[in-house]
Amino acid sequence: MKYDIREVGDNPQEIIDVKNFLYNQIMKEYGIGPTPEFHYDIEGIMDYYIIPKRNDFFLISIGDKIVATGAIREYDKDYEFFNGEYSKEDTASIWRLMVDEDYRRHGFARKLVDMMEDFARKVGYTKIYLHTHRYLDAALPFWKSLGYEITLEEDDYDETTHMEKHLK
């Protein structure tokens, strides 16, 4: 299968296409539409991922169809239970890793994570934080297979699992 993997640029149509892909995937996976509380970074892709030099957004396309995305940015959460553990100077966060269900099991997520990890190393991060949800059947096995370790599992409504990986 021939595909293209690249950074998202500041092309307005590409930004619209990425937003549409993400919202479509979010509706399929989580059954919700655009929600400012959770999707502020999608509406602000330029400010969160494209403009900052230590952040980036990647996509995989087949022809002109986006089939997968992944983003990385400096850690910017304020979880009390991680107070002092992560900082925007040394920790990157993975966001918006989504693969269209028709294109799963082709290694696209792994390729995107490899690109994000390489990018993180290049710009000086020493670790990567992410969170996922236990109800996503493939999520934990996938992240563990890439060397991410669970740091905390919450008993919240969203079954949140926090993970990290130290970069070499």
C-alpha atoms as a PDB file:
ATOM      1  CA  MET A   1       0.000   0.000   0.000  1.00  0.00           C
ATOM      2  CA  LYS A   2       1.521   3.294  -1.102  1.00  0.00           C
ATOM      3  CA  TYR A   3       1.196   6.075   1.457  1.00  0.00           C
ATOM      4  CA  ASP A   4       2.690   9.462   2.309  1.00  0.00           C
ATOM      5  CA  ILE A   5       3.795  10.408   5.817  1.00  0.00           C
ATOM      6  CA  ARG A   6       4.605  14.035   6.550  1.00  0.00           C
ATOM      7  CA  GLU A   7       4.414  17.006   8.853  1.00  0.00           C
ATOM      8  CA  VAL A   8       1.294  19.124   8.621  1.00  0.00           C
ATOM      9  CA  GLY A   9       2.138  22.586   7.314  1.00  0.00           C
ATOM     10  CA  ASP A  10       0.341  25.892   7.476  1.00  0.00           C
ATOM     11  CA  ASN A  11      -1.775  25.176   4.388  1.00  0.00           C
ATOM     12  CA  PRO A  12      -5.327  26.300   5.283  1.00  0.00           C
ATOM     13  CA  GLN A  13      -7.020  23.506   3.302  1.00  0.00           C
ATOM     14  CA  GLU A  14      -4.783  20.867   4.872  1.00  0.00           C
ATOM     15  CA  ILE A  15      -5.660  22.213   8.337  1.00  0.00           C
ATOM     16  CA  ILE A  16      -9.385  21.966   7.502  1.00  0.00           C
ATOM     17  CA  ASP A  17      -8.886  18.412   6.206  1.00  0.00           C
ATOM     18  CA  VAL A  18      -7.040  17.406   9.391  1.00  0.00           C
ATOM     19  CA  LYS A  19      -9.768  18.892  11.599  1.00  0.00           C
ATOM     20  CA  ASN A  20     -12.460  17.065   9.622  1.00  0.00           C
ATOM     21  CA  PHE A  21     -10.535  13.787   9.906  1.00  0.00           C
ATOM     22  CA  LEU A  22     -10.064  14.196  13.656  1.00  0.00           C
ATOM     23  CA  TYR A  23     -13.674  15.102  14.373  1.00  0.00           C
ATOM     24  CA  ASN A  24     -14.851  12.193  12.225  1.00  0.00           C
ATOM     25  CA  GLN A  25     -12.596   9.787  14.153  1.00  0.00           C
ATOM     26  CA  ILE A  26     -13.671  11.215  17.512  1.00  0.00           C
ATOM     27  CA  MET A  27     -17.315  10.730  16.577  1.00  0.00           C
ATOM     28  CA  LYS A  28     -16.623   7.117  15.522  1.00  0.00           C
ATOM     29  CA  GLU A  29     -14.552   6.212  18.612  1.00  0.00           C
ATOM     30  CA  TYR A  30     -16.173   8.250  21.353  1.00  0.00           C
ATOM     31  CA  GLY A  31     -19.584   9.170  19.962  1.00  0.00           C
ATOM     32  CA  ILE A  32     -19.164  12.897  20.572  1.00  0.00           C
ATOM     33  CA  GLY A  33     -18.937  15.909  18.313  1.00  0.00           C
ATOM     34  CA  PRO A  34     -16.631  18.892  18.702  1.00  0.00           C
ATOM     35  CA  THR A  35     -16.406  19.769  22.388  1.00  0.00           C
ATOM     36  CA  PRO A  36     -14.366  22.885  23.273  1.00  0.00           C
ATOM     37  CA  GLU A  37     -13.414  21.470  26.684  1.00  0.00           C
ATOM     38  CA  PHE A  38     -11.675  18.480  25.058  1.00  0.00           C
ATOM     39  CA  HIS A  39     -10.879  19.659  21.520  1.00  0.00           C
ATOM     40  CA  TYR A  40      -9.459  23.160  21.973  1.00  0.00           C
ATOM     41  CA  ASP A  41      -6.184  22.014  20.405  1.00  0.00           C
ATOM     42  CA  ILE A  42      -7.955  20.838  17.243  1.00  0.00           C
ATOM     43  CA  GLU A  43      -9.536  24.238  16.761  1.00  0.00           C
ATOM     44  CA  GLY A  44      -6.148  25.813  17.473  1.00  0.00           C
ATOM     45  CA  ILE A  45      -3.923  23.426  15.493  1.00  0.00           C
ATOM     46  CA  MET A  46      -1.713  26.270  14.297  1.00  0.00           C
ATOM     47  CA  ASP A  47      -1.153  27.640  17.815  1.00  0.00           C
ATOM     48  CA  TYR A  48      -0.732  24.266  19.503  1.00  0.00           C
ATOM     49  CA  TYR A  49       1.244  22.291  16.915  1.00  0.00           C
ATOM     50  CA  ILE A  50       2.394  24.147  13.799  1.00  0.00           C
ATOM     51  CA  ILE A  51       3.816  27.451  15.055  1.00  0.00           C
ATOM     52  CA  PRO A  52       5.729  26.320  18.188  1.00  0.00           C
ATOM     53  CA  LYS A  53       9.174  24.991  17.241  1.00  0.00           C
ATOM     54  CA  ARG A  54       9.110  22.170  19.839  1.00  0.00           C
ATOM     55  CA  ASN A  55       5.682  20.880  18.768  1.00  0.00           C
ATOM     56  CA  ASP A  56       4.593  19.120  15.582  1.00  0.00           C
ATOM     57  CA  PHE A  57       1.682  17.399  13.875  1.00  0.00           C
ATOM     58  CA  PHE A  58       2.035  14.478  11.455  1.00  0.00           C
ATOM     59  CA  LEU A  59      -0.305  12.722   9.088  1.00  0.00           C
ATOM     60  CA  ILE A  60      -0.409   9.704   6.825  1.00  0.00           C
ATOM     61  CA  SER A  61      -2.367   9.915   3.621  1.00  0.00           C
ATOM     62  CA  ILE A  62      -3.186   7.580   0.801  1.00  0.00           C
ATOM     63  CA  GLY A  63      -3.735   9.671  -2.261  1.00  0.00           C
ATOM     64  CA  ASP A  64      -5.595  12.721  -1.007  1.00  0.00           C
ATOM     65  CA  LYS A  65      -7.262  10.869   1.913  1.00  0.00           C
ATOM     66  CA  ILE A  66      -5.928  11.299   5.441  1.00  0.00           C
ATOM     67  CA  VAL A  67      -5.885   7.887   7.141  1.00  0.00           C
ATOM     68  CA  ALA A  68      -3.907   8.585  10.340  1.00  0.00           C
ATOM     69  CA  THR A  69      -2.656  11.466  12.478  1.00  0.00           C
ATOM     70  CA  GLY A  70      -0.426  12.019  15.470  1.00  0.00           C
ATOM     71  CA  ALA A  71       0.746  15.122  17.291  1.00  0.00           C
ATOM     72  CA  ILE A  72       3.381  15.954  19.845  1.00  0.00           C
ATOM     73  CA  ARG A  73       3.723  19.036  22.001  1.00  0.00           C
ATOM     74  CA  GLU A  74       5.335  20.208  25.176  1.00  0.00           C
ATOM     75  CA  TYR A  75       3.739  18.911  28.359  1.00  0.00           C
ATOM     76  CA  ASP A  76       1.186  21.460  29.528  1.00  0.00           C
ATOM     77  CA  LYS A  77      -1.059  19.658  31.996  1.00  0.00           C
ATOM     78  CA  ASP A  78      -1.336  20.419  35.694  1.00  0.00           C
ATOM     79  CA  TYR A  79      -2.319  17.075  37.160  1.00  0.00           C
ATOM     80  CA  GLU A  80      -1.745  17.319  40.900  1.00  0.00           C
ATOM     81  CA  PHE A  81      -0.538  13.733  41.120  1.00  0.00           C
ATOM     82  CA  PHE A  82       2.334  14.529  38.710  1.00  0.00           C
ATOM     83  CA  ASN A  83       3.383  17.773  40.392  1.00  0.00           C
ATOM     84  CA  GLY A  84       7.079  18.275  39.660  1.00  0.00           C
ATOM     85  CA  GLU A  85       7.373  15.054  37.629  1.00  0.00           C
ATOM     86  CA  TYR A  86       6.950  16.592  34.173  1.00  0.00           C
ATOM     87  CA  SER A  87       7.769  19.984  32.744  1.00  0.00           C
ATOM     88  CA  LYS A  88       7.477  21.641  29.355  1.00  0.00           C
ATOM     89  CA  GLU A  89      11.266  21.795  29.205  1.00  0.00           C
ATOM     90  CA  ASP A  90      11.915  18.045  29.406  1.00  0.00           C
ATOM     91  CA  THR A  91       8.601  16.326  28.649  1.00  0.00           C
ATOM     92  CA  ALA A  92       6.619  16.049  25.433  1.00  0.00           C
ATOM     93  CA  SER A  93       3.019  14.823  25.237  1.00  0.00           C
ATOM     94  CA  ILE A  94       1.505  12.696  22.495  1.00  0.00           C
ATOM     95  CA  TRP A  95      -1.885  13.822  21.262  1.00  0.00           C
ATOM     96  CA  ARG A  96      -4.392  12.948  18.553  1.00  0.00           C
ATOM     97  CA  LEU A  97      -2.975   9.580  17.509  1.00  0.00           C
ATOM     98  CA  MET A  98      -5.843   8.320  15.381  1.00  0.00           C
ATOM     99  CA  VAL A  99      -5.984   5.740  12.616  1.00  0.00           C
ATOM    100  CA  ASP A 100      -9.094   5.288  10.490  1.00  0.00           C
ATOM    101  CA  GLU A 101     -10.558   1.852  11.240  1.00  0.00           C
ATOM    102  CA  ASP A 102     -10.258   0.814   7.578  1.00  0.00           C
ATOM    103  CA  TYR A 103      -6.478   1.347   7.754  1.00  0.00           C
ATOM    104  CA  ARG A 104      -5.588  -0.230  11.084  1.00  0.00           C
ATOM    105  CA  ARG A 105      -3.117  -3.115  11.340  1.00  0.00           C
ATOM    106  CA  HIS A 106      -0.835  -1.601   8.698  1.00  0.00           C
ATOM    107  CA  GLY A 107       1.714  -0.190  11.152  1.00  0.00           C
ATOM    108  CA  PHE A 108       0.634   3.416  10.652  1.00  0.00           C
ATOM    109  CA  ALA A 109       0.327   4.230  14.365  1.00  0.00           C
ATOM    110  CA  ARG A 110       3.778   2.774  15.011  1.00  0.00           C
ATOM    111  CA  LYS A 111       5.263   4.820  12.149  1.00  0.00           C
ATOM    112  CA  LEU A 112       3.726   8.005  13.532  1.00  0.00           C
ATOM    113  CA  VAL A 113       4.978   7.291  17.059  1.00  0.00           C
ATOM    114  CA  ASP A 114       8.480   6.651  15.677  1.00  0.00           C
ATOM    115  CA  MET A 115       8.367  10.041  13.930  1.00  0.00           C
ATOM    116  CA  MET A 116       7.104  11.775  17.059  1.00  0.00           C
ATOM    117  CA  GLU A 117       9.777  10.175  19.238  1.00  0.00           C
ATOM    118  CA  ASP A 118      12.515  11.132  16.757  1.00  0.00           C
ATOM    119  CA  PHE A 119      11.187  14.677  16.670  1.00  0.00           C
ATOM    120  CA  ALA A 120      11.067  14.820  20.487  1.00  0.00           C
ATOM    121  CA  ARG A 121      14.689  13.695  20.771  1.00  0.00           C
ATOM    122  CA  LYS A 122      15.791  16.183  18.129  1.00  0.00           C
ATOM    123  CA  VAL A 123      14.244  19.160  19.951  1.00  0.00           C
ATOM    124  CA  GLY A 124      15.574  18.138  23.367  1.00  0.00           C
ATOM    125  CA  TYR A 125      12.826  16.305  25.223  1.00  0.00           C
ATOM    126  CA  THR A 126      13.992  13.467  27.476  1.00  0.00           C
ATOM    127  CA  LYS A 127      10.639  11.804  28.107  1.00  0.00           C
ATOM    128  CA  ILE A 128       7.168  11.513  26.657  1.00  0.00           C
ATOM    129  CA  TYR A 129       3.896  11.496  28.562  1.00  0.00           C
ATOM    130  CA  LEU A 130       0.533  10.317  27.269  1.00  0.00           C
ATOM    131  CA  HIS A 131      -2.766   9.185  28.581  1.00  0.00           C
ATOM    132  CA  THR A 132      -5.173   6.688  27.103  1.00  0.00           C
ATOM    133  CA  HIS A 133      -8.314   4.881  28.158  1.00  0.00           C
ATOM    134  CA  ARG A 134      -8.701   1.274  29.233  1.00  0.00           C
ATOM    135  CA  TYR A 135     -11.939   0.853  27.280  1.00  0.00           C
ATOM    136  CA  LEU A 136      -9.936   1.232  24.044  1.00  0.00           C
ATOM    137  CA  ASP A 137      -9.089  -2.452  23.681  1.00  0.00           C
ATOM    138  CA  ALA A 138      -5.879  -2.138  21.683  1.00  0.00           C
ATOM    139  CA  ALA A 139      -4.470   0.961  23.391  1.00  0.00           C
ATOM    140  CA  LEU A 140      -2.582  -0.453  26.375  1.00  0.00           C
ATOM    141  CA  PRO A 141      -1.037  -3.403  24.517  1.00  0.00           C
ATOM    142  CA  PHE A 142       0.017  -1.042  21.715  1.00  0.00           C
ATOM    143  CA  TRP A 143       1.703   1.499  23.987  1.00  0.00           C
ATOM    144  CA  LYS A 144       3.359  -1.190  26.116  1.00  0.00           C
ATOM    145  CA  SER A 145       4.767  -2.800  22.947  1.00  0.00           C
ATOM    146  CA  LEU A 146       6.515   0.505  22.238  1.00  0.00           C
ATOM    147  CA  GLY A 147       8.118   0.690  25.674  1.00  0.00           C
ATOM    148  CA  TYR A 148       5.640   3.006  27.409  1.00  0.00           C
ATOM    149  CA  GLU A 149       5.060   2.237  31.073  1.00  0.00           C
ATOM    150  CA  ILE A 150       1.963   2.846  33.152  1.00  0.00           C
ATOM    151  CA  THR A 151       2.497   5.497  35.821  1.00  0.00           C
ATOM    152  CA  LEU A 152      -1.059   5.764  37.119  1.00  0.00           C
ATOM    153  CA  GLU A 153      -4.458   4.235  36.453  1.00  0.00           C
ATOM    154  CA  GLU A 154      -7.422   6.324  37.499  1.00  0.00           C
ATOM    155  CA  ASP A 155     -10.825   5.025  38.484  1.00  0.00           C
ATOM    156  CA  ASP A 156     -12.521   7.921  36.724  1.00  0.00           C
ATOM    157  CA  TYR A 157     -15.465   7.785  34.321  1.00  0.00           C
ATOM    158  CA  ASP A 158     -13.038   7.761  31.385  1.00  0.00           C
ATOM    159  CA  GLU A 159     -10.863   4.863  32.650  1.00  0.00           C
ATOM    160  CA  THR A 160      -7.760   7.001  32.192  1.00  0.00           C
ATOM    161  CA  THR A 161      -4.341   5.390  32.181  1.00  0.00           C
ATOM    162  CA  HIS A 162      -1.277   7.656  32.305  1.00  0.00           C
ATOM    163  CA  MET A 163       1.928   6.433  30.682  1.00  0.00           C
ATOM    164  CA  GLU A 164       5.478   7.602  30.023  1.00  0.00           C
ATOM    165  CA  LYS A 165       8.600   6.662  28.158  1.00  0.00           C
ATOM    166  CA  HIS A 166      12.126   7.881  28.782  1.00  0.00           C
ATOM    167  CA  LEU A 167      13.916   8.666  25.545  1.00  0.00           C
ATOM    168  CA  LYS A 168      17.439   7.441  24.866  1.00  0.00           C
END
